[in-house]
């Protein structure tokens, strides 16, 4: 059973959550590298009898400073919290990242947030961690204030797989290139999108393949194309295999990025239902067909491939 954790939307945490191990970062995707980091934190927890807390930011700073970046996330906020629960953290602070917070001086961040507000005992950060106004703060500065602020900085070595550092950036690259298997290996699970089913133009239904339409919002736009998927329906916990198209629907001159999932052997109304779509296999890239008949022929071929995926 997954334990419950304390969730904070400010730095005003309960007194019994202070004097803890604090991990700072975006933790987008919570991949194998992150998982290694949390396993190490668990060792510190056992050795020093401390709690584990996470300090993360919403929106992600890169998205805040670059308004043009829309489709960027590997996982949404809810997925991140669910994954952190599985990693057995005790509390999560999701600090709103806004103009005021972005101008926080690095020394203010160290003395007022890490020391006074959180009273952190151990602080886990990546070696390239930057913080404070104009990214002026560095790990070197954090280490400089260890004794004064009564904390210890832990900067674990990155995880390498096949001579590449496991990172959220690398996973995004794999997803954008259609290298789903590689991305899923680094995530240590199937990449998934969560969303609510919206009323669409019912184009799929008209050509004999009804679909559940989901707006991918801020999720990274993986390689536009056709995927074998597994769909979880939140209301009844059902899991159904299917096939999905992620992209613009060029045959119908679509302009909006959309995820359309066709569920095998399913009948029922999915409008306004919350679905989790797990991506199992990349089948082919999205393409524009000359007519609907050609599209239907290709869909039948895609279906045969998707149904064989385990």
Protein backbone atom coordinates (compact mmCIF):
# COMPACT_ATOMS: atom_id res chain seq x y z
CA UNK A 1 0.00 0.00 0.00
CA UNK A 2 1.34 3.46 -0.97
CA UNK A 3 1.82 5.65 2.07
CA UNK A 4 0.19 9.06 2.42
CA UNK A 5 2.44 12.10 2.41
CA UNK A 6 2.16 15.72 3.47
CA UNK A 7 1.70 18.09 0.53
CA UNK A 8 2.58 21.77 0.84
CA UNK A 9 2.05 24.63 -1.60
CA UNK A 10 4.24 26.99 0.45
CA UNK A 11 7.40 26.87 2.53
CA UNK A 12 5.37 26.95 5.75
CA UNK A 13 5.81 23.31 6.69
CA UNK A 14 4.85 21.57 9.93
CA UNK A 15 7.45 21.56 12.70
CA UNK A 16 7.73 17.75 12.59
CA UNK A 17 8.73 17.93 8.91
CA UNK A 18 11.65 20.26 9.63
CA UNK A 19 15.20 19.00 10.21
CA UNK A 20 14.80 16.59 7.30
CA UNK A 21 16.58 15.39 4.18
CA UNK A 22 15.60 17.73 1.33
CA UNK A 23 15.88 16.86 -2.36
CA UNK A 24 15.63 19.89 -4.65
CA UNK A 25 14.74 19.75 -8.34
CA UNK A 26 12.08 19.52 -11.04
CA UNK A 27 12.14 15.70 -11.04
CA UNK A 28 10.29 15.66 -14.35
CA UNK A 29 9.61 12.04 -15.23
CA UNK A 30 11.27 10.66 -12.09
CA UNK A 31 13.52 8.46 -14.21
CA UNK A 32 16.15 5.87 -13.25
CA UNK A 33 18.64 8.60 -12.29
CA UNK A 34 16.11 10.18 -9.94
CA UNK A 35 15.19 6.76 -8.56
CA UNK A 36 18.85 6.11 -7.73
CA UNK A 37 18.93 9.45 -5.92
CA UNK A 38 15.86 8.60 -3.82
CA UNK A 39 17.25 5.17 -2.97
CA UNK A 40 20.38 6.88 -1.64
CA UNK A 41 18.19 9.28 0.37
CA UNK A 42 16.46 6.25 1.90
CA UNK A 43 19.83 5.04 3.16
CA UNK A 44 20.39 8.40 4.85
CA UNK A 45 16.87 8.25 6.29
CA UNK A 46 17.58 4.89 7.93
CA UNK A 47 21.04 5.86 9.15
CA UNK A 48 20.07 9.21 10.67
CA UNK A 49 16.36 8.59 11.44
CA UNK A 50 15.22 11.57 9.38
CA UNK A 51 12.30 12.26 7.08
CA UNK A 52 12.64 12.79 3.33
CA UNK A 53 11.15 15.91 1.76
CA UNK A 54 11.12 17.20 -1.81
CA UNK A 55 11.27 20.86 -2.84
CA UNK A 56 10.01 21.30 -6.38
CA UNK A 57 8.58 24.17 -8.41
CA UNK A 58 5.44 24.91 -10.38
CA UNK A 59 5.57 25.89 -13.16
CA UNK A 60 8.96 24.46 -13.99
CA UNK A 61 11.41 27.43 -14.09
CA UNK A 62 12.39 26.75 -17.70
CA UNK A 63 8.73 26.97 -18.75
CA UNK A 64 8.25 30.13 -16.67
CA UNK A 65 11.18 31.95 -18.27
CA UNK A 66 10.40 30.69 -21.79
CA UNK A 67 6.73 31.34 -22.55
CA UNK A 68 7.10 29.79 -26.00
CA UNK A 69 7.82 26.39 -24.42
CA UNK A 70 4.45 24.67 -24.20
CA UNK A 71 4.87 20.94 -24.78
CA UNK A 72 7.72 20.09 -22.45
CA UNK A 73 6.71 17.90 -19.49
CA UNK A 74 7.34 14.17 -19.32
CA UNK A 75 4.83 13.85 -16.47
CA UNK A 76 2.23 16.21 -15.02
CA UNK A 77 2.09 17.38 -11.42
CA UNK A 78 -0.32 14.67 -10.29
CA UNK A 79 1.82 11.92 -11.80
CA UNK A 80 4.89 13.39 -10.12
CA UNK A 81 3.21 13.29 -6.71
CA UNK A 82 1.99 9.73 -7.27
CA UNK A 83 5.51 8.62 -8.22
CA UNK A 84 7.02 10.39 -5.20
CA UNK A 85 4.59 8.51 -2.98
CA UNK A 86 5.85 5.24 -4.44
CA UNK A 87 9.41 6.38 -3.74
CA UNK A 88 8.40 6.68 -0.05
CA UNK A 89 9.02 10.37 0.52
CA UNK A 90 7.41 11.91 3.61
CA UNK A 91 6.44 15.33 2.24
CA UNK A 92 6.50 17.41 -0.94
CA UNK A 93 6.72 21.20 -1.17
CA UNK A 94 5.49 22.53 -4.51
CA UNK A 95 6.66 26.15 -4.46
CA UNK A 96 4.91 28.47 -6.88
CA UNK A 97 7.53 29.84 -9.26
CA UNK A 98 6.59 33.43 -10.06
CA UNK A 99 8.28 36.77 -10.67
CA UNK A 100 8.75 37.50 -6.97
CA UNK A 101 10.30 34.11 -6.19
CA UNK A 102 12.49 34.23 -9.30
CA UNK A 103 14.18 37.35 -7.91
CA UNK A 104 15.15 35.67 -4.62
CA UNK A 105 18.85 36.24 -3.97
CA UNK A 106 20.86 33.03 -3.69
CA UNK A 107 22.05 33.89 -0.16
CA UNK A 108 18.44 34.59 0.85
CA UNK A 109 17.48 31.15 -0.52
CA UNK A 110 20.21 29.51 1.55
CA UNK A 111 19.74 31.36 4.83
CA UNK A 112 16.00 32.06 4.90
CA UNK A 113 14.59 29.06 3.08
CA UNK A 114 17.01 26.17 3.60
CA UNK A 115 18.16 27.14 7.10
CA UNK A 116 15.34 29.09 8.77
CA UNK A 117 12.18 27.80 7.06
CA UNK A 118 13.08 24.19 6.34
CA UNK A 119 15.99 23.67 8.76
CA UNK A 120 17.36 21.09 6.33
CA UNK A 121 19.94 18.61 7.62
CA UNK A 122 20.96 17.03 4.32
CA UNK A 123 20.37 18.63 0.91
CA UNK A 124 20.51 16.50 -2.23
CA UNK A 125 21.19 18.40 -5.47
CA UNK A 126 22.63 17.67 -8.89
CA UNK A 127 26.11 18.97 -9.61
CA UNK A 128 24.78 21.53 -12.13
CA UNK A 129 22.04 22.86 -9.81
CA UNK A 130 21.55 26.63 -10.09
CA UNK A 131 19.26 28.81 -8.01
CA UNK A 132 18.49 32.38 -7.04
CA UNK A 133 18.10 35.57 -9.08
CA UNK A 134 19.58 35.12 -12.57
CA UNK A 135 20.82 31.65 -11.53
CA UNK A 136 23.56 33.26 -9.43
CA UNK A 137 23.64 30.45 -6.86
CA UNK A 138 25.64 27.27 -7.36
CA UNK A 139 26.49 24.04 -5.54
CA UNK A 140 29.83 25.61 -4.64
CA UNK A 141 27.99 28.38 -2.78
CA UNK A 142 25.74 25.85 -1.01
CA UNK A 143 28.85 23.98 0.21
CA UNK A 144 30.43 27.23 1.38
CA UNK A 145 27.54 27.78 3.83
CA UNK A 146 27.35 24.20 5.15
CA UNK A 147 28.80 24.90 8.60
CA UNK A 148 27.07 28.22 9.09
CA UNK A 149 23.65 26.86 8.15
CA UNK A 150 24.12 23.43 9.77
CA UNK A 151 23.38 21.27 6.73
CA UNK A 152 25.38 18.88 4.56
CA UNK A 153 25.27 18.95 0.76
CA UNK A 154 25.00 15.60 -1.03
CA UNK A 155 25.64 15.62 -4.78
CA UNK A 156 25.46 12.04 -6.07
CA UNK A 157 27.19 11.07 -9.29
CA UNK A 158 24.90 10.93 -12.33
CA UNK A 159 23.69 7.56 -13.57
CA UNK A 160 25.14 6.41 -16.89
CA UNK A 161 23.53 3.89 -19.25
CA UNK A 162 25.37 3.00 -22.45
CA UNK A 163 27.78 5.89 -21.83
CA UNK A 164 24.95 8.45 -21.67
CA UNK A 165 23.80 10.33 -18.58
CA UNK A 166 20.21 9.40 -17.70
CA UNK A 167 18.34 12.69 -17.76
CA UNK A 168 14.93 14.20 -18.46
CA UNK A 169 16.45 15.97 -21.48
CA UNK A 170 17.61 12.67 -22.99
CA UNK A 171 14.17 11.12 -22.44
CA UNK A 172 12.52 14.06 -24.19
CA UNK A 173 14.90 13.60 -27.13
CA UNK A 174 14.04 9.90 -27.34
CA UNK A 175 10.30 10.59 -27.26
CA UNK A 176 10.57 13.25 -29.95
CA UNK A 177 12.51 10.86 -32.18
CA UNK A 178 10.02 8.02 -31.76
CA UNK A 179 12.49 6.00 -29.66
CA UNK A 180 9.81 4.94 -27.20
CA UNK A 181 11.58 1.76 -26.03
CA UNK A 182 14.69 3.74 -25.08
CA UNK A 183 12.60 6.35 -23.23
CA UNK A 184 10.63 3.69 -21.35
CA UNK A 185 13.87 1.97 -20.27
CA UNK A 186 15.16 5.20 -18.75
CA UNK A 187 11.82 5.85 -17.05
CA UNK A 188 11.71 2.26 -15.73
CA UNK A 189 8.03 2.19 -16.68
CA UNK A 190 5.77 2.99 -19.64
CA UNK A 191 5.56 6.67 -20.51
CA UNK A 192 1.99 7.85 -20.04
CA UNK A 193 -0.31 10.83 -20.51
CA UNK A 194 -3.20 11.62 -18.18
CA UNK A 195 -6.17 13.66 -19.32
CA UNK A 196 -9.89 14.11 -19.54
CA UNK A 197 -11.79 12.90 -22.61
CA UNK A 198 -13.12 15.82 -24.63
CA UNK A 199 -15.92 16.02 -27.17
CA UNK A 200 -14.29 15.96 -30.58
CA UNK A 201 -15.46 16.13 -34.19
CA UNK A 202 -16.18 12.38 -34.09
CA UNK A 203 -14.07 11.85 -37.20
CA UNK A 204 -12.89 8.47 -35.91
CA UNK A 205 -16.44 7.29 -35.36
CA UNK A 206 -17.43 8.35 -38.86
CA UNK A 207 -14.74 6.15 -40.43
CA UNK A 208 -15.46 3.17 -38.15
CA UNK A 209 -12.82 3.67 -35.45
CA UNK A 210 -14.29 5.69 -32.55
CA UNK A 211 -11.68 7.41 -30.39
CA UNK A 212 -11.37 9.09 -27.01
CA UNK A 213 -9.88 12.54 -27.60
CA UNK A 214 -7.47 13.95 -25.01
CA UNK A 215 -5.77 17.36 -25.00
CA UNK A 216 -2.10 16.70 -24.14
CA UNK A 217 -1.75 20.21 -22.60
CA UNK A 218 1.88 20.74 -21.48
CA UNK A 219 3.12 17.21 -22.13
CA UNK A 220 6.12 16.77 -24.39
CA UNK A 221 5.01 16.16 -27.95
CA UNK A 222 6.43 12.73 -28.70
CA UNK A 223 7.05 11.86 -32.33
CA UNK A 224 3.69 12.42 -34.06
CA UNK A 225 2.38 9.06 -35.08
CA UNK A 226 0.59 5.86 -34.19
CA UNK A 227 1.24 3.95 -30.97
CA UNK A 228 0.12 0.74 -29.32
CA UNK A 229 -1.26 1.78 -25.93
CA UNK A 230 -2.85 0.57 -22.74
CA UNK A 231 -5.63 2.74 -21.32
CA UNK A 232 -6.65 2.96 -17.69
CA UNK A 233 -10.11 4.33 -16.93
CA UNK A 234 -10.01 6.07 -13.56
CA UNK A 235 -13.66 5.54 -12.54
CA UNK A 236 -13.68 1.74 -12.74
CA UNK A 237 -9.96 0.89 -12.68
CA UNK A 238 -10.32 -0.97 -15.98
CA UNK A 239 -7.24 -1.37 -18.16
CA UNK A 240 -7.87 -1.86 -21.88
CA UNK A 241 -5.41 -2.24 -24.72
CA UNK A 242 -5.78 -0.02 -27.75
CA UNK A 243 -4.18 2.07 -30.43
CA UNK A 244 -3.62 5.83 -30.42
CA UNK A 245 -2.70 8.61 -32.77
CA UNK A 246 -0.69 11.47 -31.34
CA UNK A 247 -0.44 14.50 -33.57
CA UNK A 248 -2.29 16.88 -35.87
CA UNK A 249 -4.43 14.55 -38.04
CA UNK A 250 -2.98 15.87 -41.36
CA UNK A 251 -5.45 13.90 -43.51
CA UNK A 252 -8.19 16.07 -41.97
CA UNK A 253 -6.02 19.24 -41.98
CA UNK A 254 -5.94 19.33 -38.19
CA UNK A 255 -4.24 22.28 -36.48
CA UNK A 256 -4.35 21.24 -32.83
CA UNK A 257 -2.16 18.57 -31.23
CA UNK A 258 -4.41 15.80 -29.98
CA UNK A 259 -4.16 12.33 -28.53
CA UNK A 260 -6.86 10.04 -29.95
CA UNK A 261 -7.15 6.58 -28.41
CA UNK A 262 -9.21 3.73 -29.86
CA UNK A 263 -9.91 1.03 -27.26
CA UNK A 264 -10.16 -2.60 -28.32
CA UNK A 265 -13.38 -4.48 -27.50
CA UNK A 266 -14.88 -1.54 -25.64
CA UNK A 267 -18.29 0.05 -25.81
CA UNK A 268 -19.43 2.87 -23.59
CA UNK A 269 -19.37 6.60 -23.08
CA UNK A 270 -15.96 8.01 -22.09
CA UNK A 271 -16.76 11.73 -22.30
CA UNK A 272 -15.40 13.66 -19.30
CA UNK A 273 -13.75 10.49 -17.96
CA UNK A 274 -10.17 10.68 -16.70
CA UNK A 275 -7.87 8.35 -18.63
CA UNK A 276 -4.24 7.34 -18.35
CA UNK A 277 -2.78 6.34 -21.70
CA UNK A 278 0.37 4.22 -21.44
CA UNK A 279 2.55 4.09 -24.57
CA UNK A 280 3.71 0.54 -25.29
CA UNK A 281 5.14 0.65 -28.82
CA UNK A 282 5.77 3.20 -31.56
CA UNK A 283 4.20 1.83 -34.74
CA UNK A 284 4.74 4.51 -37.40
CA UNK A 285 5.03 8.24 -38.00
CA UNK A 286 1.96 10.34 -38.74
CA UNK A 287 1.40 11.00 -42.44
CA UNK A 288 -1.14 12.67 -44.69
CA UNK A 289 -3.16 10.28 -46.85
CA UNK A 290 -4.71 11.22 -50.19
CA UNK A 291 -8.17 10.19 -49.03
CA UNK A 292 -10.09 8.59 -46.16
CA UNK A 293 -10.12 5.15 -47.82
CA UNK A 294 -6.32 5.04 -47.84
CA UNK A 295 -6.32 6.09 -44.18
CA UNK A 296 -8.79 3.33 -43.28
CA UNK A 297 -6.63 0.70 -45.00
CA UNK A 298 -3.58 1.86 -43.06
CA UNK A 299 -5.49 1.89 -39.77
CA UNK A 300 -6.45 -1.77 -40.29
CA UNK A 301 -2.76 -2.62 -40.74
CA UNK A 302 -1.85 -0.58 -37.65
CA UNK A 303 -4.54 -2.39 -35.63
CA UNK A 304 -3.09 -5.79 -36.45
CA UNK A 305 0.33 -4.65 -35.23
CA UNK A 306 -1.05 -3.03 -32.06
CA UNK A 307 -3.09 -6.11 -31.10
CA UNK A 308 0.07 -8.23 -31.09
CA UNK A 309 1.87 -5.95 -28.65
CA UNK A 310 2.01 -7.33 -25.13
